[in-house]
Amino acid sequence: MIDHITIAVSDLEKSKRFYERALEPLGYRLSFGKEAVFWTFDVGGSLFEIQHTDDKPPVTRLHVAFRVQSRAEVEAFYRAALEAGARDNGAPGPRP
């Protein structure tokens, strides 16, 4: 299951207003966030996030996080992805 997806946007407040209106008919609402940084919508147990960016690293345009049961699963996924050809942009762990 997907835990959360984060997309980078250049105009956070305009994007917030757009998604508030677009997601409303589906019953999805703004859940939490931080002014001028990010906003999060609960979309039925997973989170959809919009985050402000000016295209400066380490932010990427898209971030997808899968829900797991343990740190061991994270490590196994990381190793398998590298073996499958993924590029390493940092070992698994919190991104403050």
N, C-alpha and C. Protein backbone atom coordinates (compact mmCIF):
# COMPACT_ATOMS: atom_id res chain seq x y z
N MET A 1 0.84 -1.18 0.00
CA MET A 1 0.00 0.00 0.00
C MET A 1 0.89 1.24 0.00
N ILE A 2 0.45 2.27 -0.68
CA ILE A 2 1.18 3.52 -0.68
C ILE A 2 0.85 4.28 0.60
N ASP A 3 1.88 4.72 1.30
CA ASP A 3 1.70 5.50 2.52
C ASP A 3 1.44 6.96 2.16
N HIS A 4 2.34 7.53 1.32
CA HIS A 4 2.12 8.90 0.88
C HIS A 4 2.84 9.17 -0.43
N ILE A 5 2.32 10.14 -1.15
CA ILE A 5 2.92 10.64 -2.38
C ILE A 5 3.07 12.14 -2.20
N THR A 6 4.25 12.65 -2.53
CA THR A 6 4.51 14.08 -2.44
C THR A 6 4.91 14.59 -3.82
N ILE A 7 4.27 15.66 -4.26
CA ILE A 7 4.68 16.30 -5.51
C ILE A 7 5.15 17.71 -5.20
N ALA A 8 6.14 18.14 -5.95
CA ALA A 8 6.69 19.48 -5.79
C ALA A 8 5.90 20.45 -6.67
N VAL A 9 5.59 21.60 -6.11
CA VAL A 9 4.86 22.64 -6.85
C VAL A 9 5.56 23.97 -6.68
N SER A 10 5.44 24.83 -7.68
CA SER A 10 6.10 26.12 -7.59
C SER A 10 5.23 27.18 -6.90
N ASP A 11 3.91 27.03 -6.97
CA ASP A 11 2.99 27.97 -6.32
C ASP A 11 2.13 27.17 -5.33
N LEU A 12 2.59 27.10 -4.10
CA LEU A 12 1.97 26.25 -3.09
C LEU A 12 0.53 26.68 -2.78
N GLU A 13 0.28 27.94 -2.59
CA GLU A 13 -1.07 28.38 -2.22
C GLU A 13 -2.06 28.18 -3.36
N LYS A 14 -1.64 28.45 -4.59
CA LYS A 14 -2.51 28.21 -5.74
C LYS A 14 -2.81 26.71 -5.86
N SER A 15 -1.81 25.87 -5.66
CA SER A 15 -1.99 24.42 -5.72
C SER A 15 -2.89 23.93 -4.60
N LYS A 16 -2.73 24.50 -3.41
CA LYS A 16 -3.59 24.13 -2.27
C LYS A 16 -5.05 24.41 -2.60
N ARG A 17 -5.33 25.61 -3.10
CA ARG A 17 -6.70 25.96 -3.45
C ARG A 17 -7.25 25.02 -4.53
N PHE A 18 -6.42 24.70 -5.53
CA PHE A 18 -6.83 23.80 -6.60
C PHE A 18 -7.22 22.43 -6.04
N TYR A 19 -6.32 21.82 -5.25
CA TYR A 19 -6.59 20.47 -4.75
C TYR A 19 -7.73 20.44 -3.73
N GLU A 20 -7.89 21.52 -2.95
CA GLU A 20 -9.04 21.57 -2.04
C GLU A 20 -10.34 21.45 -2.83
N ARG A 21 -10.43 22.18 -3.94
CA ARG A 21 -11.65 22.15 -4.75
C ARG A 21 -11.77 20.85 -5.55
N ALA A 22 -10.66 20.40 -6.14
CA ALA A 22 -10.71 19.21 -7.00
C ALA A 22 -10.97 17.93 -6.22
N LEU A 23 -10.46 17.84 -5.00
CA LEU A 23 -10.62 16.63 -4.21
C LEU A 23 -11.91 16.60 -3.39
N GLU A 24 -12.56 17.77 -3.23
CA GLU A 24 -13.77 17.84 -2.44
C GLU A 24 -14.88 16.89 -2.90
N PRO A 25 -15.16 16.78 -4.21
CA PRO A 25 -16.22 15.86 -4.63
C PRO A 25 -15.93 14.40 -4.30
N LEU A 26 -14.67 14.07 -4.07
CA LEU A 26 -14.29 12.70 -3.72
C LEU A 26 -14.32 12.47 -2.22
N GLY A 27 -14.62 13.53 -1.47
CA GLY A 27 -14.69 13.43 -0.01
C GLY A 27 -13.33 13.56 0.67
N TYR A 28 -12.31 13.99 -0.08
CA TYR A 28 -10.98 14.14 0.49
C TYR A 28 -10.77 15.58 0.93
N ARG A 29 -10.16 15.75 2.10
CA ARG A 29 -10.00 17.07 2.70
C ARG A 29 -8.56 17.33 3.10
N LEU A 30 -8.24 18.59 3.23
CA LEU A 30 -6.95 19.01 3.77
C LEU A 30 -6.81 18.47 5.18
N SER A 31 -5.67 17.86 5.48
CA SER A 31 -5.48 17.22 6.77
C SER A 31 -4.54 18.02 7.67
N PHE A 32 -3.37 18.37 7.16
CA PHE A 32 -2.42 19.16 7.94
C PHE A 32 -1.36 19.73 7.00
N GLY A 33 -0.50 20.57 7.52
CA GLY A 33 0.57 21.15 6.73
C GLY A 33 1.28 22.25 7.47
N LYS A 34 2.10 22.96 6.74
CA LYS A 34 2.85 24.07 7.29
C LYS A 34 2.88 25.17 6.23
N GLU A 35 2.34 26.32 6.60
CA GLU A 35 2.25 27.46 5.71
C GLU A 35 3.57 27.69 4.97
N ALA A 36 3.48 27.83 3.66
CA ALA A 36 4.61 28.13 2.76
C ALA A 36 5.60 26.96 2.62
N VAL A 37 5.28 25.78 3.17
CA VAL A 37 6.19 24.64 3.07
C VAL A 37 5.49 23.46 2.38
N PHE A 38 4.37 22.96 2.97
CA PHE A 38 3.66 21.82 2.40
C PHE A 38 2.24 21.76 2.93
N TRP A 39 1.38 21.02 2.21
CA TRP A 39 0.01 20.72 2.64
C TRP A 39 -0.27 19.26 2.35
N THR A 40 -1.01 18.61 3.23
CA THR A 40 -1.28 17.19 3.13
C THR A 40 -2.79 16.93 3.14
N PHE A 41 -3.22 16.09 2.20
CA PHE A 41 -4.62 15.69 2.10
C PHE A 41 -4.71 14.20 2.42
N ASP A 42 -5.68 13.83 3.26
CA ASP A 42 -5.95 12.42 3.53
C ASP A 42 -6.84 11.92 2.41
N VAL A 43 -6.34 10.97 1.64
CA VAL A 43 -7.09 10.45 0.50
C VAL A 43 -7.45 8.98 0.74
N GLY A 44 -8.18 8.76 1.82
CA GLY A 44 -8.68 7.43 2.11
C GLY A 44 -7.66 6.49 2.73
N GLY A 45 -6.87 6.98 3.67
CA GLY A 45 -5.89 6.14 4.35
C GLY A 45 -4.47 6.36 3.88
N SER A 46 -4.28 6.91 2.71
CA SER A 46 -2.96 7.32 2.23
C SER A 46 -2.94 8.84 2.23
N LEU A 47 -1.75 9.41 2.11
CA LEU A 47 -1.63 10.86 2.11
C LEU A 47 -1.13 11.34 0.76
N PHE A 48 -1.72 12.44 0.30
CA PHE A 48 -1.29 13.13 -0.91
C PHE A 48 -0.78 14.48 -0.46
N GLU A 49 0.49 14.76 -0.74
CA GLU A 49 1.12 15.99 -0.25
C GLU A 49 1.60 16.86 -1.40
N ILE A 50 1.48 18.15 -1.22
CA ILE A 50 2.08 19.11 -2.14
C ILE A 50 3.11 19.88 -1.34
N GLN A 51 4.27 20.09 -1.95
CA GLN A 51 5.38 20.72 -1.25
C GLN A 51 5.98 21.79 -2.15
N HIS A 52 6.24 22.94 -1.57
CA HIS A 52 6.85 24.02 -2.33
C HIS A 52 8.29 23.69 -2.68
N THR A 53 8.69 24.04 -3.89
CA THR A 53 10.08 23.89 -4.30
C THR A 53 10.46 24.93 -5.32
N ASP A 54 11.71 25.26 -5.34
CA ASP A 54 12.29 26.09 -6.38
C ASP A 54 13.29 25.27 -7.19
N ASP A 55 13.07 23.94 -7.20
CA ASP A 55 13.93 22.98 -7.91
C ASP A 55 15.34 22.93 -7.38
N LYS A 56 15.52 23.11 -6.09
CA LYS A 56 16.83 23.01 -5.48
C LYS A 56 16.96 21.65 -4.80
N PRO A 57 18.05 20.94 -5.02
CA PRO A 57 18.23 19.64 -4.35
C PRO A 57 18.16 19.81 -2.84
N PRO A 58 17.76 18.78 -2.08
CA PRO A 58 17.51 17.41 -2.50
C PRO A 58 16.08 17.13 -2.91
N VAL A 59 15.24 18.15 -3.01
CA VAL A 59 13.84 17.93 -3.37
C VAL A 59 13.75 17.44 -4.82
N THR A 60 12.92 16.45 -5.04
CA THR A 60 12.64 15.98 -6.39
C THR A 60 11.20 16.32 -6.72
N ARG A 61 10.83 16.19 -7.95
CA ARG A 61 9.47 16.53 -8.37
C ARG A 61 8.42 15.56 -7.84
N LEU A 62 8.83 14.31 -7.56
CA LEU A 62 7.87 13.32 -7.10
C LEU A 62 8.51 12.43 -6.06
N HIS A 63 7.75 12.13 -5.00
CA HIS A 63 8.22 11.27 -3.92
C HIS A 63 7.09 10.31 -3.59
N VAL A 64 7.37 9.01 -3.62
CA VAL A 64 6.37 8.00 -3.28
C VAL A 64 6.92 7.16 -2.14
N ALA A 65 6.15 6.98 -1.08
CA ALA A 65 6.56 6.17 0.06
C ALA A 65 5.58 5.02 0.24
N PHE A 66 6.11 3.80 0.30
CA PHE A 66 5.28 2.62 0.49
C PHE A 66 5.19 2.31 1.97
N ARG A 67 4.05 1.84 2.42
CA ARG A 67 3.85 1.45 3.81
C ARG A 67 4.48 0.07 4.04
N VAL A 68 5.28 -0.05 5.10
CA VAL A 68 5.95 -1.32 5.42
C VAL A 68 5.74 -1.64 6.89
N GLN A 69 6.12 -2.85 7.27
CA GLN A 69 5.94 -3.31 8.64
C GLN A 69 7.20 -3.18 9.48
N SER A 70 8.38 -3.07 8.82
CA SER A 70 9.61 -3.07 9.61
C SER A 70 10.75 -2.38 8.87
N ARG A 71 11.76 -2.02 9.62
CA ARG A 71 12.98 -1.45 9.05
C ARG A 71 13.65 -2.47 8.12
N ALA A 72 13.56 -3.77 8.45
CA ALA A 72 14.14 -4.82 7.62
C ALA A 72 13.52 -4.81 6.22
N GLU A 73 12.22 -4.58 6.14
CA GLU A 73 11.57 -4.49 4.83
C GLU A 73 12.09 -3.30 4.04
N VAL A 74 12.33 -2.19 4.72
CA VAL A 74 12.89 -1.01 4.05
C VAL A 74 14.26 -1.34 3.47
N GLU A 75 15.10 -1.96 4.28
CA GLU A 75 16.45 -2.31 3.83
C GLU A 75 16.40 -3.30 2.66
N ALA A 76 15.51 -4.30 2.72
CA ALA A 76 15.39 -5.28 1.65
C ALA A 76 14.91 -4.61 0.36
N PHE A 77 13.94 -3.72 0.48
CA PHE A 77 13.45 -2.98 -0.69
C PHE A 77 14.57 -2.15 -1.30
N TYR A 78 15.33 -1.46 -0.48
CA TYR A 78 16.44 -0.61 -0.92
C TYR A 78 17.46 -1.44 -1.70
N ARG A 79 17.88 -2.57 -1.14
CA ARG A 79 18.87 -3.42 -1.81
C ARG A 79 18.32 -3.96 -3.13
N ALA A 80 17.07 -4.42 -3.12
CA ALA A 80 16.47 -4.98 -4.32
C ALA A 80 16.35 -3.91 -5.41
N ALA A 81 15.98 -2.71 -5.03
CA ALA A 81 15.86 -1.63 -6.02
C ALA A 81 17.21 -1.30 -6.64
N LEU A 82 18.27 -1.24 -5.83
CA LEU A 82 19.61 -0.99 -6.38
C LEU A 82 20.02 -2.11 -7.33
N GLU A 83 19.75 -3.34 -6.94
CA GLU A 83 20.09 -4.48 -7.79
C GLU A 83 19.29 -4.47 -9.10
N ALA A 84 18.10 -3.89 -9.05
CA ALA A 84 17.26 -3.82 -10.24
C ALA A 84 17.63 -2.64 -11.14
N GLY A 85 18.60 -1.81 -10.69
CA GLY A 85 19.08 -0.72 -11.52
C GLY A 85 18.76 0.68 -11.04
N ALA A 86 18.17 0.82 -9.86
CA ALA A 86 17.88 2.15 -9.33
C ALA A 86 19.16 2.91 -9.04
N ARG A 87 19.08 4.22 -9.11
CA ARG A 87 20.20 5.08 -8.72
C ARG A 87 20.07 5.41 -7.25
N ASP A 88 21.18 5.37 -6.55
CA ASP A 88 21.21 5.65 -5.11
C ASP A 88 21.29 7.16 -4.88
N ASN A 89 20.30 7.72 -4.21
CA ASN A 89 20.37 9.14 -3.85
C ASN A 89 20.37 9.30 -2.33
N GLY A 90 20.86 8.26 -1.66
CA GLY A 90 20.96 8.28 -0.20
C GLY A 90 20.32 7.06 0.42
N ALA A 91 20.99 6.54 1.42
CA ALA A 91 20.50 5.35 2.11
C ALA A 91 19.15 5.62 2.77
N PRO A 92 18.38 4.57 3.04
CA PRO A 92 17.10 4.76 3.72
C PRO A 92 17.26 5.40 5.10
N GLY A 93 16.32 6.21 5.46
CA GLY A 93 16.33 6.84 6.77
C GLY A 93 15.51 8.11 6.75
N PRO A 94 15.29 8.69 7.90
CA PRO A 94 14.52 9.93 8.00
C PRO A 94 15.17 11.05 7.20
N ARG A 95 14.32 11.86 6.61
CA ARG A 95 14.77 13.05 5.87
C ARG A 95 14.19 14.27 6.58
N PRO A 96 14.96 14.84 7.49
CA PRO A 96 14.43 15.98 8.26
C PRO A 96 14.10 17.18 7.38
